[in-house]
Amino acid sequence: MEISGIISAIIIGIIIGVLGRLVVPGRQRIGILLTIVVGIVAALIGAAIANAFDVSDTNGIDWIEWLIQIGLAAVGVAALDRSGGRSRGRARR
């Protein structure tokens, strides 16, 4: 992978991560860097899924691929928010 591919993956990951975070209702307790990492991973996995279903290379904007990537980012953000490790409320006895 060339440096331009890495830079574009980071930029697309930022966009996908932010859009995925906007889709999840409520306030998320994860940082922006973790959101970007989730976005990058979702972009890569979403591109592979779109390629497997042969919807990754269409004329114009690849809306189906973007929807897959945003959906995966939303799932990733929600999963990390739920497993936040922080104590919510009082400890049980």
PDB file of N, CA and C in Angstrom:
ATOM      1  N   MET A   1       0.858  -1.173   0.000  1.00  0.00           N
ATOM      2  CA  MET A   1       0.000   0.000   0.000  1.00  0.00           C
ATOM      3  C   MET A   1       0.903   1.235   0.000  1.00  0.00           C
ATOM      4  N   GLU A   2       0.557   2.178  -0.856  1.00  0.00           N
ATOM      5  CA  GLU A   2       1.330   3.408  -0.967  1.00  0.00           C
ATOM      6  C   GLU A   2       0.890   4.420   0.086  1.00  0.00           C
ATOM      7  N   ILE A   3       1.684   5.467   0.253  1.00  0.00           N
ATOM      8  CA  ILE A   3       1.382   6.489   1.247  1.00  0.00           C
ATOM      9  C   ILE A   3       0.067   7.199   0.923  1.00  0.00           C
ATOM     10  N   SER A   4      -0.238   7.379  -0.348  1.00  0.00           N
ATOM     11  CA  SER A   4      -1.503   8.022  -0.723  1.00  0.00           C
ATOM     12  C   SER A   4      -2.692   7.144  -0.330  1.00  0.00           C
ATOM     13  N   GLY A   5      -2.530   5.835  -0.406  1.00  0.00           N
ATOM     14  CA  GLY A   5      -3.594   4.922   0.018  1.00  0.00           C
ATOM     15  C   GLY A   5      -3.813   4.964   1.516  1.00  0.00           C
ATOM     16  N   ILE A   6      -2.730   5.105   2.269  1.00  0.00           N
ATOM     17  CA  ILE A   6      -2.835   5.197   3.722  1.00  0.00           C
ATOM     18  C   ILE A   6      -3.512   6.499   4.118  1.00  0.00           C
ATOM     19  N   ILE A   7      -3.122   7.594   3.480  1.00  0.00           N
ATOM     20  CA  ILE A   7      -3.716   8.899   3.779  1.00  0.00           C
ATOM     21  C   ILE A   7      -5.200   8.906   3.428  1.00  0.00           C
ATOM     22  N   SER A   8      -5.545   8.351   2.277  1.00  0.00           N
ATOM     23  CA  SER A   8      -6.964   8.323   1.900  1.00  0.00           C
ATOM     24  C   SER A   8      -7.765   7.408   2.822  1.00  0.00           C
ATOM     25  N   ALA A   9      -7.168   6.316   3.312  1.00  0.00           N
ATOM     26  CA  ALA A   9      -7.858   5.437   4.263  1.00  0.00           C
ATOM     27  C   ALA A   9      -8.123   6.171   5.568  1.00  0.00           C
ATOM     28  N   ILE A  10      -7.175   7.001   6.002  1.00  0.00           N
ATOM     29  CA  ILE A  10      -7.365   7.770   7.234  1.00  0.00           C
ATOM     30  C   ILE A  10      -8.472   8.807   7.045  1.00  0.00           C
ATOM     31  N   ILE A  11      -8.455   9.500   5.914  1.00  0.00           N
ATOM     32  CA  ILE A  11      -9.472  10.525   5.654  1.00  0.00           C
ATOM     33  C   ILE A  11     -10.858   9.898   5.550  1.00  0.00           C
ATOM     34  N   ILE A  12     -10.963   8.820   4.805  1.00  0.00           N
ATOM     35  CA  ILE A  12     -12.247   8.130   4.679  1.00  0.00           C
ATOM     36  C   ILE A  12     -12.665   7.550   6.024  1.00  0.00           C
ATOM     37  N   GLY A  13     -11.701   7.046   6.802  1.00  0.00           N
ATOM     38  CA  GLY A  13     -12.004   6.521   8.133  1.00  0.00           C
ATOM     39  C   GLY A  13     -12.559   7.585   9.060  1.00  0.00           C
ATOM     40  N   ILE A  14     -12.011   8.802   8.967  1.00  0.00           N
ATOM     41  CA  ILE A  14     -12.529   9.902   9.780  1.00  0.00           C
ATOM     42  C   ILE A  14     -13.983  10.177   9.416  1.00  0.00           C
ATOM     43  N   ILE A  15     -14.245  10.266   8.130  1.00  0.00           N
ATOM     44  CA  ILE A  15     -15.610  10.557   7.667  1.00  0.00           C
ATOM     45  C   ILE A  15     -16.564   9.444   8.074  1.00  0.00           C
ATOM     46  N   ILE A  16     -16.176   8.197   7.830  1.00  0.00           N
ATOM     47  CA  ILE A  16     -17.025   7.047   8.159  1.00  0.00           C
ATOM     48  C   ILE A  16     -17.245   6.965   9.667  1.00  0.00           C
ATOM     49  N   GLY A  17     -16.189   7.185  10.454  1.00  0.00           N
ATOM     50  CA  GLY A  17     -16.320   7.128  11.911  1.00  0.00           C
ATOM     51  C   GLY A  17     -17.266   8.181  12.447  1.00  0.00           C
ATOM     52  N   VAL A  18     -17.136   9.411  11.945  1.00  0.00           N
ATOM     53  CA  VAL A  18     -18.018  10.491  12.401  1.00  0.00           C
ATOM     54  C   VAL A  18     -19.461  10.217  11.988  1.00  0.00           C
ATOM     55  N   LEU A  19     -19.663   9.770  10.757  1.00  0.00           N
ATOM     56  CA  LEU A  19     -21.020   9.459  10.315  1.00  0.00           C
ATOM     57  C   LEU A  19     -21.606   8.297  11.111  1.00  0.00           C
ATOM     58  N   GLY A  20     -20.794   7.292  11.392  1.00  0.00           N
ATOM     59  CA  GLY A  20     -21.254   6.173  12.211  1.00  0.00           C
ATOM     60  C   GLY A  20     -21.615   6.616  13.615  1.00  0.00           C
ATOM     61  N   ARG A  21     -20.842   7.559  14.142  1.00  0.00           N
ATOM     62  CA  ARG A  21     -21.129   8.082  15.484  1.00  0.00           C
ATOM     63  C   ARG A  21     -22.421   8.890  15.492  1.00  0.00           C
ATOM     64  N   LEU A  22     -22.701   9.613  14.402  1.00  0.00           N
ATOM     65  CA  LEU A  22     -23.932  10.390  14.310  1.00  0.00           C
ATOM     66  C   LEU A  22     -25.173   9.506  14.213  1.00  0.00           C
ATOM     67  N   VAL A  23     -25.011   8.312  13.655  1.00  0.00           N
ATOM     68  CA  VAL A  23     -26.138   7.398  13.493  1.00  0.00           C
ATOM     69  C   VAL A  23     -26.565   6.811  14.841  1.00  0.00           C
ATOM     70  N   VAL A  24     -25.603   6.611  15.731  1.00  0.00           N
ATOM     71  CA  VAL A  24     -25.903   6.008  17.036  1.00  0.00           C
ATOM     72  C   VAL A  24     -26.585   7.054  17.918  1.00  0.00           C
ATOM     73  N   PRO A  25     -27.783   6.752  18.442  1.00  0.00           N
ATOM     74  CA  PRO A  25     -28.481   7.737  19.278  1.00  0.00           C
ATOM     75  C   PRO A  25     -27.822   7.902  20.644  1.00  0.00           C
ATOM     76  N   GLY A  26     -27.966   9.072  21.199  1.00  0.00           N
ATOM     77  CA  GLY A  26     -27.440   9.340  22.534  1.00  0.00           C
ATOM     78  C   GLY A  26     -25.998   9.794  22.499  1.00  0.00           C
ATOM     79  N   ARG A  27     -25.442   9.946  23.676  1.00  0.00           N
ATOM     80  CA  ARG A  27     -24.069  10.419  23.822  1.00  0.00           C
ATOM     81  C   ARG A  27     -23.147   9.216  23.948  1.00  0.00           C
ATOM     82  N   GLN A  28     -22.082   9.200  23.172  1.00  0.00           N
ATOM     83  CA  GLN A  28     -21.109   8.121  23.248  1.00  0.00           C
ATOM     84  C   GLN A  28     -19.935   8.558  24.123  1.00  0.00           C
ATOM     85  N   ARG A  29     -19.427   7.641  24.903  1.00  0.00           N
ATOM     86  CA  ARG A  29     -18.341   7.944  25.830  1.00  0.00           C
ATOM     87  C   ARG A  29     -17.008   7.415  25.322  1.00  0.00           C
ATOM     88  N   ILE A  30     -16.781   7.470  24.020  1.00  0.00           N
ATOM     89  CA  ILE A  30     -15.486   7.086  23.474  1.00  0.00           C
ATOM     90  C   ILE A  30     -14.862   8.319  22.835  1.00  0.00           C
ATOM     91  N   GLY A  31     -13.561   8.328  22.778  1.00  0.00           N
ATOM     92  CA  GLY A  31     -12.841   9.474  22.254  1.00  0.00           C
ATOM     93  C   GLY A  31     -12.851   9.539  20.743  1.00  0.00           C
ATOM     94  N   ILE A  32     -12.401  10.668  20.235  1.00  0.00           N
ATOM     95  CA  ILE A  32     -12.391  10.880  18.783  1.00  0.00           C
ATOM     96  C   ILE A  32     -11.369   9.978  18.097  1.00  0.00           C
ATOM     97  N   LEU A  33     -10.235   9.714  18.753  1.00  0.00           N
ATOM     98  CA  LEU A  33      -9.241   8.830  18.138  1.00  0.00           C
ATOM     99  C   LEU A  33      -9.784   7.413  17.986  1.00  0.00           C
ATOM    100  N   LEU A  34     -10.503   6.954  18.986  1.00  0.00           N
ATOM    101  CA  LEU A  34     -11.114   5.628  18.893  1.00  0.00           C
ATOM    102  C   LEU A  34     -12.205   5.610  17.825  1.00  0.00           C
ATOM    103  N   THR A  35     -12.912   6.714  17.684  1.00  0.00           N
ATOM    104  CA  THR A  35     -13.920   6.834  16.630  1.00  0.00           C
ATOM    105  C   THR A  35     -13.265   6.741  15.259  1.00  0.00           C
ATOM    106  N   ILE A  36     -12.114   7.389  15.104  1.00  0.00           N
ATOM    107  CA  ILE A  36     -11.388   7.341  13.825  1.00  0.00           C
ATOM    108  C   ILE A  36     -10.905   5.927  13.532  1.00  0.00           C
ATOM    109  N   VAL A  37     -10.376   5.245  14.550  1.00  0.00           N
ATOM    110  CA  VAL A  37      -9.925   3.857  14.363  1.00  0.00           C
ATOM    111  C   VAL A  37     -11.090   2.962  13.961  1.00  0.00           C
ATOM    112  N   VAL A  38     -12.232   3.139  14.627  1.00  0.00           N
ATOM    113  CA  VAL A  38     -13.427   2.366  14.266  1.00  0.00           C
ATOM    114  C   VAL A  38     -13.824   2.673  12.823  1.00  0.00           C
ATOM    115  N   GLY A  39     -13.745   3.946  12.439  1.00  0.00           N
ATOM    116  CA  GLY A  39     -14.083   4.332  11.066  1.00  0.00           C
ATOM    117  C   GLY A  39     -13.158   3.713  10.035  1.00  0.00           C
ATOM    118  N   ILE A  40     -11.863   3.682  10.324  1.00  0.00           N
ATOM    119  CA  ILE A  40     -10.901   3.084   9.393  1.00  0.00           C
ATOM    120  C   ILE A  40     -11.159   1.592   9.248  1.00  0.00           C
ATOM    121  N   VAL A  41     -11.360   0.913  10.375  1.00  0.00           N
ATOM    122  CA  VAL A  41     -11.638  -0.528  10.333  1.00  0.00           C
ATOM    123  C   VAL A  41     -12.953  -0.799   9.599  1.00  0.00           C
ATOM    124  N   ALA A  42     -13.973   0.009   9.883  1.00  0.00           N
ATOM    125  CA  ALA A  42     -15.267  -0.162   9.212  1.00  0.00           C
ATOM    126  C   ALA A  42     -15.151   0.103   7.717  1.00  0.00           C
ATOM    127  N   ALA A  43     -14.336   1.079   7.336  1.00  0.00           N
ATOM    128  CA  ALA A  43     -14.146   1.374   5.911  1.00  0.00           C
ATOM    129  C   ALA A  43     -13.476   0.206   5.200  1.00  0.00           C
ATOM    130  N   LEU A  44     -12.472  -0.385   5.832  1.00  0.00           N
ATOM    131  CA  LEU A  44     -11.767  -1.513   5.209  1.00  0.00           C
ATOM    132  C   LEU A  44     -12.654  -2.754   5.130  1.00  0.00           C
ATOM    133  N   ILE A  45     -13.337  -3.072   6.221  1.00  0.00           N
ATOM    134  CA  ILE A  45     -14.213  -4.247   6.222  1.00  0.00           C
ATOM    135  C   ILE A  45     -15.406  -4.027   5.289  1.00  0.00           C
ATOM    136  N   GLY A  46     -15.969  -2.819   5.310  1.00  0.00           N
ATOM    137  CA  GLY A  46     -17.093  -2.507   4.425  1.00  0.00           C
ATOM    138  C   GLY A  46     -16.720  -2.588   2.959  1.00  0.00           C
ATOM    139  N   ALA A  47     -15.509  -2.147   2.627  1.00  0.00           N
ATOM    140  CA  ALA A  47     -15.047  -2.250   1.240  1.00  0.00           C
ATOM    141  C   ALA A  47     -14.901  -3.711   0.828  1.00  0.00           C
ATOM    142  N   ALA A  48     -14.408  -4.552   1.742  1.00  0.00           N
ATOM    143  CA  ALA A  48     -14.273  -5.978   1.436  1.00  0.00           C
ATOM    144  C   ALA A  48     -15.643  -6.635   1.250  1.00  0.00           C
ATOM    145  N   ILE A  49     -16.601  -6.273   2.108  1.00  0.00           N
ATOM    146  CA  ILE A  49     -17.956  -6.824   1.977  1.00  0.00           C
ATOM    147  C   ILE A  49     -18.600  -6.364   0.672  1.00  0.00           C
ATOM    148  N   ALA A  50     -18.455  -5.080   0.349  1.00  0.00           N
ATOM    149  CA  ALA A  50     -19.019  -4.565  -0.903  1.00  0.00           C
ATOM    150  C   ALA A  50     -18.376  -5.230  -2.106  1.00  0.00           C
ATOM    151  N   ASN A  51     -17.084  -5.495  -2.017  1.00  0.00           N
ATOM    152  CA  ASN A  51     -16.386  -6.178  -3.107  1.00  0.00           C
ATOM    153  C   ASN A  51     -16.872  -7.617  -3.241  1.00  0.00           C
ATOM    154  N   ALA A  52     -17.141  -8.276  -2.105  1.00  0.00           N
ATOM    155  CA  ALA A  52     -17.620  -9.660  -2.142  1.00  0.00           C
ATOM    156  C   ALA A  52     -19.002  -9.755  -2.782  1.00  0.00           C
ATOM    157  N   PHE A  53     -19.840  -8.728  -2.571  1.00  0.00           N
ATOM    158  CA  PHE A  53     -21.176  -8.713  -3.165  1.00  0.00           C
ATOM    159  C   PHE A  53     -21.210  -8.000  -4.514  1.00  0.00           C
ATOM    160  N   ASP A  54     -20.036  -7.628  -5.010  1.00  0.00           N
ATOM    161  CA  ASP A  54     -19.874  -7.008  -6.331  1.00  0.00           C
ATOM    162  C   ASP A  54     -20.655  -5.690  -6.454  1.00  0.00           C
ATOM    163  N   VAL A  55     -20.668  -4.893  -5.388  1.00  0.00           N
ATOM    164  CA  VAL A  55     -21.312  -3.583  -5.433  1.00  0.00           C
ATOM    165  C   VAL A  55     -20.313  -2.460  -5.142  1.00  0.00           C
ATOM    166  N   SER A  56     -19.022  -2.792  -5.185  1.00  0.00           N
ATOM    167  CA  SER A  56     -18.017  -1.798  -4.824  1.00  0.00           C
ATOM    168  C   SER A  56     -17.593  -0.918  -5.986  1.00  0.00           C
ATOM    169  N   ASP A  57     -17.847  -1.344  -7.201  1.00  0.00           N
ATOM    170  CA  ASP A  57     -17.386  -0.585  -8.365  1.00  0.00           C
ATOM    171  C   ASP A  57     -18.574  -0.295  -9.281  1.00  0.00           C
ATOM    172  N   THR A  58     -19.267   0.784  -8.970  1.00  0.00           N
ATOM    173  CA  THR A  58     -20.412   1.187  -9.776  1.00  0.00           C
ATOM    174  C   THR A  58     -20.131   2.544 -10.405  1.00  0.00           C
ATOM    175  N   ASN A  59     -20.947   2.928 -11.354  1.00  0.00           N
ATOM    176  CA  ASN A  59     -20.810   4.260 -11.951  1.00  0.00           C
ATOM    177  C   ASN A  59     -21.268   5.303 -10.938  1.00  0.00           C
ATOM    178  N   GLY A  60     -20.483   6.339 -10.754  1.00  0.00           N
ATOM    179  CA  GLY A  60     -20.848   7.393  -9.808  1.00  0.00           C
ATOM    180  C   GLY A  60     -20.428   7.054  -8.400  1.00  0.00           C
ATOM    181  N   ILE A  61     -21.185   7.531  -7.448  1.00  0.00           N
ATOM    182  CA  ILE A  61     -20.880   7.322  -6.035  1.00  0.00           C
ATOM    183  C   ILE A  61     -21.359   5.936  -5.627  1.00  0.00           C
ATOM    184  N   ASP A  62     -20.539   5.247  -4.877  1.00  0.00           N
ATOM    185  CA  ASP A  62     -20.871   3.898  -4.411  1.00  0.00           C
ATOM    186  C   ASP A  62     -21.689   3.986  -3.121  1.00  0.00           C
ATOM    187  N   TRP A  63     -22.979   4.289  -3.267  1.00  0.00           N
ATOM    188  CA  TRP A  63     -23.848   4.499  -2.113  1.00  0.00           C
ATOM    189  C   TRP A  63     -23.986   3.251  -1.264  1.00  0.00           C
ATOM    190  N   ILE A  64     -24.082   2.097  -1.885  1.00  0.00           N
ATOM    191  CA  ILE A  64     -24.257   0.853  -1.130  1.00  0.00           C
ATOM    192  C   ILE A  64     -23.021   0.580  -0.279  1.00  0.00           C
ATOM    193  N   GLU A  65     -21.854   0.797  -0.845  1.00  0.00           N
ATOM    194  CA  GLU A  65     -20.611   0.595  -0.096  1.00  0.00           C
ATOM    195  C   GLU A  65     -20.533   1.561   1.094  1.00  0.00           C
ATOM    196  N   TRP A  66     -20.900   2.804   0.871  1.00  0.00           N
ATOM    197  CA  TRP A  66     -20.886   3.799   1.947  1.00  0.00           C
ATOM    198  C   TRP A  66     -21.859   3.414   3.054  1.00  0.00           C
ATOM    199  N   LEU A  67     -23.060   2.948   2.685  1.00  0.00           N
ATOM    200  CA  LEU A  67     -24.040   2.544   3.692  1.00  0.00           C
ATOM    201  C   LEU A  67     -23.546   1.359   4.518  1.00  0.00           C
ATOM    202  N   ILE A  68     -22.884   0.419   3.868  1.00  0.00           N
ATOM    203  CA  ILE A  68     -22.314  -0.722   4.585  1.00  0.00           C
ATOM    204  C   ILE A  68     -21.249  -0.238   5.567  1.00  0.00           C
ATOM    205  N   GLN A  69     -20.371   0.656   5.099  1.00  0.00           N
ATOM    206  CA  GLN A  69     -19.294   1.160   5.948  1.00  0.00           C
ATOM    207  C   GLN A  69     -19.837   1.971   7.129  1.00  0.00           C
ATOM    208  N   ILE A  70     -20.809   2.823   6.883  1.00  0.00           N
ATOM    209  CA  ILE A  70     -21.391   3.632   7.963  1.00  0.00           C
ATOM    210  C   ILE A  70     -22.117   2.737   8.966  1.00  0.00           C
ATOM    211  N   GLY A  71     -22.823   1.733   8.474  1.00  0.00           N
ATOM    212  CA  GLY A  71     -23.500   0.789   9.367  1.00  0.00           C
ATOM    213  C   GLY A  71     -22.508   0.040  10.245  1.00  0.00           C
ATOM    214  N   LEU A  72     -21.404  -0.404   9.663  1.00  0.00           N
ATOM    215  CA  LEU A  72     -20.385  -1.088  10.452  1.00  0.00           C
ATOM    216  C   LEU A  72     -19.756  -0.153  11.479  1.00  0.00           C
ATOM    217  N   ALA A  73     -19.522   1.100  11.100  1.00  0.00           N
ATOM    218  CA  ALA A  73     -18.965   2.071  12.040  1.00  0.00           C
ATOM    219  C   ALA A  73     -19.935   2.328  13.194  1.00  0.00           C
ATOM    220  N   ALA A  74     -21.228   2.422  12.888  1.00  0.00           N
ATOM    221  CA  ALA A  74     -22.229   2.630  13.937  1.00  0.00           C
ATOM    222  C   ALA A  74     -22.242   1.455  14.905  1.00  0.00           C
ATOM    223  N   VAL A  75     -22.167   0.249  14.377  1.00  0.00           N
ATOM    224  CA  VAL A  75     -22.130  -0.940  15.236  1.00  0.00           C
ATOM    225  C   VAL A  75     -20.863  -0.928  16.095  1.00  0.00           C
ATOM    226  N   GLY A  76     -19.731  -0.567  15.492  1.00  0.00           N
ATOM    227  CA  GLY A  76     -18.475  -0.513  16.243  1.00  0.00           C
ATOM    228  C   GLY A  76     -18.492   0.538  17.340  1.00  0.00           C
ATOM    229  N   VAL A  77     -19.012   1.725  17.032  1.00  0.00           N
ATOM    230  CA  VAL A  77     -19.100   2.795  18.037  1.00  0.00           C
ATOM    231  C   VAL A  77     -20.028   2.378  19.177  1.00  0.00           C
ATOM    232  N   ALA A  78     -21.167   1.808  18.841  1.00  0.00           N
ATOM    233  CA  ALA A  78     -22.121   1.377  19.870  1.00  0.00           C
ATOM    234  C   ALA A  78     -21.523   0.269  20.728  1.00  0.00           C
ATOM    235  N   ALA A  79     -20.818  -0.670  20.110  1.00  0.00           N
ATOM    236  CA  ALA A  79     -20.221  -1.775  20.869  1.00  0.00           C
ATOM    237  C   ALA A  79     -19.145  -1.266  21.822  1.00  0.00           C
ATOM    238  N   LEU A  80     -18.309  -0.357  21.360  1.00  0.00           N
ATOM    239  CA  LEU A  80     -17.271   0.188  22.234  1.00  0.00           C
ATOM    240  C   LEU A  80     -17.862   1.050  23.339  1.00  0.00           C
ATOM    241  N   ASP A  81     -18.935   1.746  23.031  1.00  0.00           N
ATOM    242  CA  ASP A  81     -19.586   2.560  24.055  1.00  0.00           C
ATOM    243  C   ASP A  81     -20.186   1.672  25.138  1.00  0.00           C
ATOM    244  N   ARG A  82     -20.770   0.559  24.742  1.00  0.00           N
ATOM    245  CA  ARG A  82     -21.405  -0.359  25.704  1.00  0.00           C
ATOM    246  C   ARG A  82     -20.363  -1.061  26.576  1.00  0.00           C
ATOM    247  N   SER A  83     -19.205  -1.371  26.001  1.00  0.00           N
ATOM    248  CA  SER A  83     -18.177  -2.094  26.752  1.00  0.00           C
ATOM    249  C   SER A  83     -17.168  -1.140  27.373  1.00  0.00           C
ATOM    250  N   GLY A  84     -17.588   0.079  27.637  1.00  0.00           N
ATOM    251  CA  GLY A  84     -16.712   1.154  28.092  1.00  0.00           C
ATOM    252  C   GLY A  84     -15.892   0.897  29.328  1.00  0.00           C
ATOM    253  N   GLY A  85     -16.141  -0.112  30.089  1.00  0.00           N
ATOM    254  CA  GLY A  85     -15.321  -0.414  31.239  1.00  0.00           C
ATOM    255  C   GLY A  85     -15.506   0.537  32.408  1.00  0.00           C
ATOM    256  N   ARG A  86     -16.125   1.656  32.200  1.00  0.00           N
ATOM    257  CA  ARG A  86     -16.367   2.594  33.289  1.00  0.00           C
ATOM    258  C   ARG A  86     -17.558   2.105  34.100  1.00  0.00           C
ATOM    259  N   SER A  87     -17.490   2.360  35.359  1.00  0.00           N
ATOM    260  CA  SER A  87     -18.604   2.007  36.223  1.00  0.00           C
ATOM    261  C   SER A  87     -19.745   2.985  35.996  1.00  0.00           C
ATOM    262  N   ARG A  88     -20.892   2.475  35.707  1.00  0.00           N
ATOM    263  CA  ARG A  88     -22.071   3.330  35.512  1.00  0.00           C
ATOM    264  C   ARG A  88     -22.980   3.161  36.714  1.00  0.00           C
ATOM    265  N   GLY A  89     -23.083   4.172  37.469  1.00  0.00           N
ATOM    266  CA  GLY A  89     -23.920   4.083  38.662  1.00  0.00           C
ATOM    267  C   GLY A  89     -23.128   3.526  39.826  1.00  0.00           C
ATOM    268  N   ARG A  90     -23.858   3.134  40.863  1.00  0.00           N
ATOM    269  CA  ARG A  90     -23.201   2.601  42.056  1.00  0.00           C
ATOM    270  C   ARG A  90     -22.826   1.135  41.856  1.00  0.00           C
ATOM    271  N   ALA A  91     -21.825   0.727  42.592  1.00  0.00           N
ATOM    272  CA  ALA A  91     -21.395  -0.676  42.533  1.00  0.00           C
ATOM    273  C   ALA A  91     -22.434  -1.552  43.235  1.00  0.00           C
ATOM    274  N   ARG A  92     -22.636  -2.728  42.705  1.00  0.00           N
ATOM    275  CA  ARG A  92     -23.584  -3.670  43.302  1.00  0.00           C
ATOM    276  C   ARG A  92     -22.905  -4.415  44.440  1.00  0.00           C
ATOM    277  N   ARG A  93     -23.681  -4.746  45.434  1.00  0.00           N
ATOM    278  CA  ARG A  93     -23.137  -5.502  46.571  1.00  0.00           C
ATOM    279  C   ARG A  93     -23.810  -6.813  46.680  1.00  0.00           C
TER     280      ARG A  93
END
